[in-house]
Amino acid sequence: AITGAIHTPTMSPYLPITPDEIANEALAAAEAGAA
């Protein structure tokens, strides 16, 4: 679950927000083994 709606940007600088960040994070998660 890549970003959700619970955590806010202040809580982590690594939380993906932009479309590019969400896409990149999703692809890296899939490469790591997420089905």
Full PDB file with SEQRES, HELIX, SHEET, SSBOND, CRYST1, ORIGX, SCALE, CONECT and MASTER records, all heavy atoms in Angstrom:
SEQRES   1 A   35  ALA ILE THR GLY ALA ILE HIS THR PRO THR MET SER PRO          
SEQRES   2 A   35  TYR LEU PRO ILE THR PRO ASP GLU ILE ALA ASN GLU ALA          
SEQRES   3 A   35  LEU ALA ALA ALA GLU ALA GLY ALA ALA                          
HELIX    1 AA1 PRO A    9  MET A   11  5                                   3    
HELIX    2 AA2 PRO A   19  ALA A   32  1                                  14    
CRYST1    1.000    1.000    1.000  90.00  90.00  90.00 P 1           1          
ORIGX1      1.000000  0.000000  0.000000        0.00000                         
ORIGX2      0.000000  1.000000  0.000000        0.00000                         
ORIGX3      0.000000  0.000000  1.000000        0.00000                         
SCALE1      1.000000  0.000000  0.000000        0.00000                         
SCALE2      0.000000  1.000000  0.000000        0.00000                         
SCALE3      0.000000  0.000000  1.000000        0.00000                         
ATOM      1  N   ALA A   1       0.862  -1.186   0.000  1.00  0.00           N  
ATOM      2  CA  ALA A   1       0.000   0.000   0.000  1.00  0.00           C  
ATOM      3  C   ALA A   1       0.899   1.236   0.000  1.00  0.00           C  
ATOM      4  O   ALA A   1       1.532   1.560   1.002  1.00  0.00           O  
ATOM      5  CB  ALA A   1      -0.914  -0.017   1.223  1.00  0.00           C  
ATOM      6  N   ILE A   2       0.957   1.932  -1.114  1.00  0.00           N  
ATOM      7  CA  ILE A   2       2.048   2.857  -1.406  1.00  0.00           C  
ATOM      8  C   ILE A   2       2.009   4.159  -0.606  1.00  0.00           C  
ATOM      9  O   ILE A   2       3.039   4.637  -0.143  1.00  0.00           O  
ATOM     10  CB  ILE A   2       2.068   3.176  -2.916  1.00  0.00           C  
ATOM     11  CG1 ILE A   2       2.217   1.876  -3.739  1.00  0.00           C  
ATOM     12  CG2 ILE A   2       3.180   4.162  -3.252  1.00  0.00           C  
ATOM     13  CD1 ILE A   2       3.471   1.081  -3.452  1.00  0.00           C  
ATOM     14  N   THR A   3       0.816   4.765  -0.428  1.00  0.00           N  
ATOM     15  CA  THR A   3       0.799   6.063   0.256  1.00  0.00           C  
ATOM     16  C   THR A   3      -0.399   6.266   1.182  1.00  0.00           C  
ATOM     17  O   THR A   3      -0.276   6.855   2.234  1.00  0.00           O  
ATOM     18  CB  THR A   3       0.905   7.227  -0.747  1.00  0.00           C  
ATOM     19  OG1 THR A   3       1.073   8.455  -0.040  1.00  0.00           O  
ATOM     20  CG2 THR A   3      -0.305   7.309  -1.663  1.00  0.00           C  
ATOM     21  N   GLY A   4      -1.591   5.789   0.825  1.00  0.00           N  
ATOM     22  CA  GLY A   4      -2.742   5.886   1.718  1.00  0.00           C  
ATOM     23  C   GLY A   4      -3.224   7.302   1.945  1.00  0.00           C  
ATOM     24  O   GLY A   4      -2.890   8.235   1.212  1.00  0.00           O  
ATOM     25  N   ALA A   5      -4.028   7.448   3.023  1.00  0.00           N  
ATOM     26  CA  ALA A   5      -4.590   8.756   3.369  1.00  0.00           C  
ATOM     27  C   ALA A   5      -4.422   9.082   4.849  1.00  0.00           C  
ATOM     28  O   ALA A   5      -4.924  10.096   5.314  1.00  0.00           O  
ATOM     29  CB  ALA A   5      -6.084   8.779   3.010  1.00  0.00           C  
ATOM     30  N   ILE A   6      -3.733   8.218   5.590  1.00  0.00           N  
ATOM     31  CA  ILE A   6      -3.593   8.407   7.039  1.00  0.00           C  
ATOM     32  C   ILE A   6      -2.391   9.283   7.378  1.00  0.00           C  
ATOM     33  O   ILE A   6      -2.500  10.280   8.079  1.00  0.00           O  
ATOM     34  CB  ILE A   6      -3.468   7.047   7.749  1.00  0.00           C  
ATOM     35  CG1 ILE A   6      -4.762   6.258   7.607  1.00  0.00           C  
ATOM     36  CG2 ILE A   6      -3.108   7.222   9.213  1.00  0.00           C  
ATOM     37  CD1 ILE A   6      -4.689   4.864   8.190  1.00  0.00           C  
ATOM     38  N   HIS A   7      -1.232   8.909   6.877  1.00  0.00           N  
ATOM     39  CA  HIS A   7      -0.017   9.638   7.217  1.00  0.00           C  
ATOM     40  C   HIS A   7       0.037  10.960   6.465  1.00  0.00           C  
ATOM     41  O   HIS A   7      -0.425  11.058   5.322  1.00  0.00           O  
ATOM     42  CB  HIS A   7       1.212   8.791   6.906  1.00  0.00           C  
ATOM     43  CG  HIS A   7       1.293   7.555   7.742  1.00  0.00           C  
ATOM     44  ND1 HIS A   7       1.346   6.284   7.204  1.00  0.00           N  
ATOM     45  CD2 HIS A   7       1.306   7.397   9.095  1.00  0.00           C  
ATOM     46  CE1 HIS A   7       1.394   5.399   8.202  1.00  0.00           C  
ATOM     47  NE2 HIS A   7       1.354   6.040   9.341  1.00  0.00           N  
ATOM     48  N   THR A   8       0.612  11.962   7.106  1.00  0.00           N  
ATOM     49  CA  THR A   8       0.725  13.289   6.498  1.00  0.00           C  
ATOM     50  C   THR A   8       2.190  13.567   6.162  1.00  0.00           C  
ATOM     51  O   THR A   8       3.095  12.922   6.702  1.00  0.00           O  
ATOM     52  CB  THR A   8       0.173  14.374   7.441  1.00  0.00           C  
ATOM     53  OG1 THR A   8       1.042  14.499   8.577  1.00  0.00           O  
ATOM     54  CG2 THR A   8      -1.241  14.037   7.903  1.00  0.00           C  
ATOM     55  N   PRO A   9       2.455  14.511   5.265  1.00  0.00           N  
ATOM     56  CA  PRO A   9       3.822  14.736   4.803  1.00  0.00           C  
ATOM     57  C   PRO A   9       4.841  15.022   5.892  1.00  0.00           C  
ATOM     58  O   PRO A   9       6.017  14.662   5.751  1.00  0.00           O  
ATOM     59  CB  PRO A   9       3.664  15.926   3.858  1.00  0.00           C  
ATOM     60  CG  PRO A   9       2.270  15.808   3.338  1.00  0.00           C  
ATOM     61  CD  PRO A   9       1.468  15.303   4.508  1.00  0.00           C  
ATOM     62  N   THR A  10       4.409  15.661   6.972  1.00  0.00           N  
ATOM     63  CA  THR A  10       5.342  15.966   8.057  1.00  0.00           C  
ATOM     64  C   THR A  10       5.909  14.707   8.699  1.00  0.00           C  
ATOM     65  O   THR A  10       7.031  14.704   9.199  1.00  0.00           O  
ATOM     66  CB  THR A  10       4.625  16.819   9.129  1.00  0.00           C  
ATOM     67  OG1 THR A  10       4.274  18.076   8.533  1.00  0.00           O  
ATOM     68  CG2 THR A  10       5.497  17.055  10.347  1.00  0.00           C  
ATOM     69  N   MET A  11       5.149  13.627   8.667  1.00  0.00           N  
ATOM     70  CA  MET A  11       5.528  12.421   9.403  1.00  0.00           C  
ATOM     71  C   MET A  11       6.721  11.696   8.808  1.00  0.00           C  
ATOM     72  O   MET A  11       7.424  10.980   9.516  1.00  0.00           O  
ATOM     73  CB  MET A  11       4.325  11.477   9.480  1.00  0.00           C  
ATOM     74  CG  MET A  11       3.165  12.037  10.256  1.00  0.00           C  
ATOM     75  SD  MET A  11       1.757  10.904  10.227  1.00  0.00           S  
ATOM     76  CE  MET A  11       0.545  11.862  11.152  1.00  0.00           C  
ATOM     77  N   SER A  12       6.947  11.853   7.506  1.00  0.00           N  
ATOM     78  CA  SER A  12       8.085  11.202   6.868  1.00  0.00           C  
ATOM     79  C   SER A  12       8.425  11.901   5.560  1.00  0.00           C  
ATOM     80  O   SER A  12       7.531  12.129   4.740  1.00  0.00           O  
ATOM     81  CB  SER A  12       7.796   9.728   6.576  1.00  0.00           C  
ATOM     82  OG  SER A  12       8.848   9.162   5.807  1.00  0.00           O  
ATOM     83  N   PRO A  13       9.705  12.206   5.351  1.00  0.00           N  
ATOM     84  CA  PRO A  13      10.097  12.800   4.068  1.00  0.00           C  
ATOM     85  C   PRO A  13      10.036  11.799   2.924  1.00  0.00           C  
ATOM     86  O   PRO A  13      10.155  12.181   1.756  1.00  0.00           O  
ATOM     87  CB  PRO A  13      11.542  13.244   4.323  1.00  0.00           C  
ATOM     88  CG  PRO A  13      12.040  12.313   5.384  1.00  0.00           C  
ATOM     89  CD  PRO A  13      10.847  12.038   6.260  1.00  0.00           C  
ATOM     90  N   TYR A  14       9.827  10.525   3.254  1.00  0.00           N  
ATOM     91  CA  TYR A  14       9.818   9.474   2.234  1.00  0.00           C  
ATOM     92  C   TYR A  14       8.407   9.121   1.770  1.00  0.00           C  
ATOM     93  O   TYR A  14       8.248   8.267   0.889  1.00  0.00           O  
ATOM     94  CB  TYR A  14      10.514   8.222   2.775  1.00  0.00           C  
ATOM     95  CG  TYR A  14      11.893   8.511   3.312  1.00  0.00           C  
ATOM     96  CD1 TYR A  14      12.158   8.420   4.678  1.00  0.00           C  
ATOM     97  CD2 TYR A  14      12.923   8.905   2.467  1.00  0.00           C  
ATOM     98  CE1 TYR A  14      13.423   8.704   5.187  1.00  0.00           C  
ATOM     99  CE2 TYR A  14      14.191   9.188   2.958  1.00  0.00           C  
ATOM    100  CZ  TYR A  14      14.427   9.090   4.319  1.00  0.00           C  
ATOM    101  OH  TYR A  14      15.682   9.372   4.817  1.00  0.00           O  
ATOM    102  N   LEU A  15       7.387   9.757   2.338  1.00  0.00           N  
ATOM    103  CA  LEU A  15       6.007   9.469   1.948  1.00  0.00           C  
ATOM    104  C   LEU A  15       5.763   9.984   0.535  1.00  0.00           C  
ATOM    105  O   LEU A  15       5.901  11.185   0.276  1.00  0.00           O  
ATOM    106  CB  LEU A  15       5.036  10.139   2.925  1.00  0.00           C  
ATOM    107  CG  LEU A  15       3.554   9.835   2.715  1.00  0.00           C  
ATOM    108  CD1 LEU A  15       3.240   8.390   3.099  1.00  0.00           C  
ATOM    109  CD2 LEU A  15       2.684  10.801   3.539  1.00  0.00           C  
ATOM    110  N   PRO A  16       5.406   9.110  -0.414  1.00  0.00           N  
ATOM    111  CA  PRO A  16       5.199   9.577  -1.792  1.00  0.00           C  
ATOM    112  C   PRO A  16       3.932  10.414  -1.920  1.00  0.00           C  
ATOM    113  O   PRO A  16       2.877  10.048  -1.399  1.00  0.00           O  
ATOM    114  CB  PRO A  16       5.091   8.285  -2.603  1.00  0.00           C  
ATOM    115  CG  PRO A  16       4.708   7.235  -1.622  1.00  0.00           C  
ATOM    116  CD  PRO A  16       5.259   7.654  -0.295  1.00  0.00           C  
ATOM    117  N   ILE A  17       4.061  11.520  -2.632  1.00  0.00           N  
ATOM    118  CA  ILE A  17       2.964  12.480  -2.757  1.00  0.00           C  
ATOM    119  C   ILE A  17       2.630  12.775  -4.211  1.00  0.00           C  
ATOM    120  O   ILE A  17       1.473  12.747  -4.614  1.00  0.00           O  
ATOM    121  CB  ILE A  17       3.323  13.791  -2.011  1.00  0.00           C  
ATOM    122  CG1 ILE A  17       3.336  13.551  -0.498  1.00  0.00           C  
ATOM    123  CG2 ILE A  17       2.360  14.903  -2.375  1.00  0.00           C  
ATOM    124  CD1 ILE A  17       3.884  14.725   0.290  1.00  0.00           C  
ATOM    125  N   THR A  18       3.644  13.054  -5.011  1.00  0.00           N  
ATOM    126  CA  THR A  18       3.404  13.431  -6.401  1.00  0.00           C  
ATOM    127  C   THR A  18       3.132  12.187  -7.257  1.00  0.00           C  
ATOM    128  O   THR A  18       3.487  11.070  -6.870  1.00  0.00           O  
ATOM    129  CB  THR A  18       4.614  14.170  -6.987  1.00  0.00           C  
ATOM    130  OG1 THR A  18       5.707  13.241  -7.115  1.00  0.00           O  
ATOM    131  CG2 THR A  18       5.038  15.340  -6.103  1.00  0.00           C  
ATOM    132  N   PRO A  19       2.531  12.357  -8.422  1.00  0.00           N  
ATOM    133  CA  PRO A  19       2.321  11.209  -9.310  1.00  0.00           C  
ATOM    134  C   PRO A  19       3.611  10.468  -9.641  1.00  0.00           C  
ATOM    135  O   PRO A  19       3.633   9.235  -9.671  1.00  0.00           O  
ATOM    136  CB  PRO A  19       1.691  11.831 -10.552  1.00  0.00           C  
ATOM    137  CG  PRO A  19       0.995  13.051 -10.042  1.00  0.00           C  
ATOM    138  CD  PRO A  19       1.871  13.573  -8.947  1.00  0.00           C  
ATOM    139  N   ASP A  20       4.694  11.200  -9.881  1.00  0.00           N  
ATOM    140  CA  ASP A  20       5.972  10.553 -10.177  1.00  0.00           C  
ATOM    141  C   ASP A  20       6.453   9.734  -8.986  1.00  0.00           C  
ATOM    142  O   ASP A  20       6.940   8.605  -9.148  1.00  0.00           O  
ATOM    143  CB  ASP A  20       7.032  11.590 -10.546  1.00  0.00           C  
ATOM    144  CG  ASP A  20       6.901  12.081 -11.983  1.00  0.00           C  
ATOM    145  OD1 ASP A  20       6.126  11.473 -12.749  1.00  0.00           O  
ATOM    146  OD2 ASP A  20       7.577  13.072 -12.335  1.00  0.00           O  
ATOM    147  N   GLU A  21       6.339  10.292  -7.789  1.00  0.00           N  
ATOM    148  CA  GLU A  21       6.780   9.572  -6.588  1.00  0.00           C  
ATOM    149  C   GLU A  21       5.948   8.316  -6.376  1.00  0.00           C  
ATOM    150  O   GLU A  21       6.488   7.249  -6.051  1.00  0.00           O  
ATOM    151  CB  GLU A  21       6.686  10.490  -5.370  1.00  0.00           C  
ATOM    152  CG  GLU A  21       7.720  11.605  -5.352  1.00  0.00           C  
ATOM    153  CD  GLU A  21       7.452  12.652  -4.279  1.00  0.00           C  
ATOM    154  OE1 GLU A  21       6.353  12.650  -3.690  1.00  0.00           O  
ATOM    155  OE2 GLU A  21       8.352  13.488  -4.047  1.00  0.00           O  
ATOM    156  N   ILE A  22       4.640   8.423  -6.539  1.00  0.00           N  
ATOM    157  CA  ILE A  22       3.761   7.270  -6.348  1.00  0.00           C  
ATOM    158  C   ILE A  22       4.077   6.190  -7.372  1.00  0.00           C  
ATOM    159  O   ILE A  22       4.192   5.002  -7.044  1.00  0.00           O  
ATOM    160  CB  ILE A  22       2.284   7.705  -6.421  1.00  0.00           C  
ATOM    161  CG1 ILE A  22       1.931   8.563  -5.196  1.00  0.00           C  
ATOM    162  CG2 ILE A  22       1.355   6.489  -6.498  1.00  0.00           C  
ATOM    163  CD1 ILE A  22       0.590   9.268  -5.286  1.00  0.00           C  
ATOM    164  N   ALA A  23       4.264   6.589  -8.637  1.00  0.00           N  
ATOM    165  CA  ALA A  23       4.580   5.612  -9.681  1.00  0.00           C  
ATOM    166  C   ALA A  23       5.927   4.953  -9.422  1.00  0.00           C  
ATOM    167  O   ALA A  23       6.054   3.723  -9.503  1.00  0.00           O  
ATOM    168  CB  ALA A  23       4.568   6.299 -11.045  1.00  0.00           C  
ATOM    169  N   ASN A  24       6.932   5.748  -9.114  1.00  0.00           N  
ATOM    170  CA  ASN A  24       8.269   5.190  -8.877  1.00  0.00           C  
ATOM    171  C   ASN A  24       8.276   4.242  -7.682  1.00  0.00           C  
ATOM    172  O   ASN A  24       8.908   3.179  -7.716  1.00  0.00           O  
ATOM    173  CB  ASN A  24       9.279   6.315  -8.664  1.00  0.00           C  
ATOM    174  CG  ASN A  24       9.570   7.091  -9.946  1.00  0.00           C  
ATOM    175  OD1 ASN A  24       9.368   6.579 -11.048  1.00  0.00           O  
ATOM    176  ND2 ASN A  24      10.037   8.324  -9.805  1.00  0.00           N  
ATOM    177  N   GLU A  25       7.582   4.625  -6.616  1.00  0.00           N  
ATOM    178  CA  GLU A  25       7.514   3.778  -5.422  1.00  0.00           C  
ATOM    179  C   GLU A  25       6.772   2.476  -5.718  1.00  0.00           C  
ATOM    180  O   GLU A  25       7.164   1.405  -5.243  1.00  0.00           O  
ATOM    181  CB  GLU A  25       6.817   4.539  -4.292  1.00  0.00           C  
ATOM    182  CG  GLU A  25       7.676   5.583  -3.626  1.00  0.00           C  
ATOM    183  CD  GLU A  25       8.707   4.959  -2.705  1.00  0.00           C  
ATOM    184  OE1 GLU A  25       8.327   4.216  -1.779  1.00  0.00           O  
ATOM    185  OE2 GLU A  25       9.907   5.219  -2.911  1.00  0.00           O  
ATOM    186  N   ALA A  26       5.710   2.573  -6.493  1.00  0.00           N  
ATOM    187  CA  ALA A  26       4.942   1.374  -6.837  1.00  0.00           C  
ATOM    188  C   ALA A  26       5.789   0.410  -7.663  1.00  0.00           C  
ATOM    189  O   ALA A  26       5.809  -0.800  -7.410  1.00  0.00           O  
ATOM    190  CB  ALA A  26       3.678   1.764  -7.598  1.00  0.00           C  
ATOM    191  N   LEU A  27       6.507   0.931  -8.646  1.00  0.00           N  
ATOM    192  CA  LEU A  27       7.325   0.073  -9.507  1.00  0.00           C  
ATOM    193  C   LEU A  27       8.470  -0.571  -8.727  1.00  0.00           C  
ATOM    194  O   LEU A  27       8.795  -1.746  -8.927  1.00  0.00           O  
ATOM    195  CB  LEU A  27       7.851   0.881 -10.685  1.00  0.00           C  
ATOM    196  CG  LEU A  27       6.780   1.376 -11.673  1.00  0.00           C  
ATOM    197  CD1 LEU A  27       7.387   2.309 -12.704  1.00  0.00           C  
ATOM    198  CD2 LEU A  27       6.082   0.206 -12.352  1.00  0.00           C  
ATOM    199  N   ALA A  28       9.071   0.184  -7.812  1.00  0.00           N  
ATOM    200  CA  ALA A  28      10.153  -0.374  -7.002  1.00  0.00           C  
ATOM    201  C   ALA A  28       9.627  -1.445  -6.051  1.00  0.00           C  
ATOM    202  O   ALA A  28      10.291  -2.468  -5.818  1.00  0.00           O  
ATOM    203  CB  ALA A  28      10.843   0.742  -6.218  1.00  0.00           C  
ATOM    204  N   ALA A  29       8.426  -1.231  -5.509  1.00  0.00           N  
ATOM    205  CA  ALA A  29       7.815  -2.236  -4.627  1.00  0.00           C  
ATOM    206  C   ALA A  29       7.524  -3.517  -5.391  1.00  0.00           C  
ATOM    207  O   ALA A  29       7.737  -4.628  -4.880  1.00  0.00           O  
ATOM    208  CB  ALA A  29       6.534  -1.682  -4.009  1.00  0.00           C  
ATOM    209  N   ALA A  30       7.036  -3.375  -6.616  1.00  0.00           N  
ATOM    210  CA  ALA A  30       6.776  -4.557  -7.446  1.00  0.00           C  
ATOM    211  C   ALA A  30       8.069  -5.294  -7.765  1.00  0.00           C  
ATOM    212  O   ALA A  30       8.131  -6.529  -7.717  1.00  0.00           O  
ATOM    213  CB  ALA A  30       6.063  -4.143  -8.728  1.00  0.00           C  
ATOM    214  N   GLU A  31       9.102  -4.557  -8.073  1.00  0.00           N  
ATOM    215  CA  GLU A  31      10.402  -5.166  -8.365  1.00  0.00           C  
ATOM    216  C   GLU A  31      10.936  -5.918  -7.142  1.00  0.00           C  
ATOM    217  O   GLU A  31      11.587  -6.969  -7.271  1.00  0.00           O  
ATOM    218  CB  GLU A  31      11.396  -4.072  -8.788  1.00  0.00           C  
ATOM    219  CG  GLU A  31      12.778  -4.581  -9.147  1.00  0.00           C  
ATOM    220  CD  GLU A  31      12.810  -5.422 -10.407  1.00  0.00           C  
ATOM    221  OE1 GLU A  31      11.911  -5.279 -11.254  1.00  0.00           O  
ATOM    222  OE2 GLU A  31      13.770  -6.218 -10.557  1.00  0.00           O  
ATOM    223  N   ALA A  32      10.637  -5.409  -5.945  1.00  0.00           N  
ATOM    224  CA  ALA A  32      11.099  -6.043  -4.704  1.00  0.00           C  
ATOM    225  C   ALA A  32      10.303  -7.295  -4.356  1.00  0.00           C  
ATOM    226  O   ALA A  32      10.754  -8.100  -3.533  1.00  0.00           O  
ATOM    227  CB  ALA A  32      11.027  -5.040  -3.557  1.00  0.00           C  
ATOM    228  N   GLY A  33       9.114  -7.455  -4.966  1.00  0.00           N  
ATOM    229  CA  GLY A  33       8.352  -8.673  -4.716  1.00  0.00           C  
ATOM    230  C   GLY A  33       6.880  -8.499  -4.429  1.00  0.00           C  
ATOM    231  O   GLY A  33       6.180  -9.485  -4.167  1.00  0.00           O  
ATOM    232  N   ALA A  34       6.360  -7.288  -4.489  1.00  0.00           N  
ATOM    233  CA  ALA A  34       4.925  -7.086  -4.266  1.00  0.00           C  
ATOM    234  C   ALA A  34       4.142  -7.552  -5.486  1.00  0.00           C  
ATOM    235  O   ALA A  34       4.405  -7.116  -6.609  1.00  0.00           O  
ATOM    236  CB  ALA A  34       4.618  -5.615  -3.988  1.00  0.00           C  
ATOM    237  N   ALA A  35       3.174  -8.440  -5.271  1.00  0.00           N  
ATOM    238  CA  ALA A  35       2.343  -8.940  -6.372  1.00  0.00           C  
ATOM    239  C   ALA A  35       1.150  -8.039  -6.631  1.00  0.00           C  
ATOM    240  O   ALA A  35       0.606  -8.023  -7.739  1.00  0.00           O  
ATOM    241  CB  ALA A  35       1.865 -10.354  -6.062  1.00  0.00           C  
TER     242      ALA A  35                                                      
MASTER        0    0    0    2    0    0    0    6  241    1    0    3          
END                                                                             
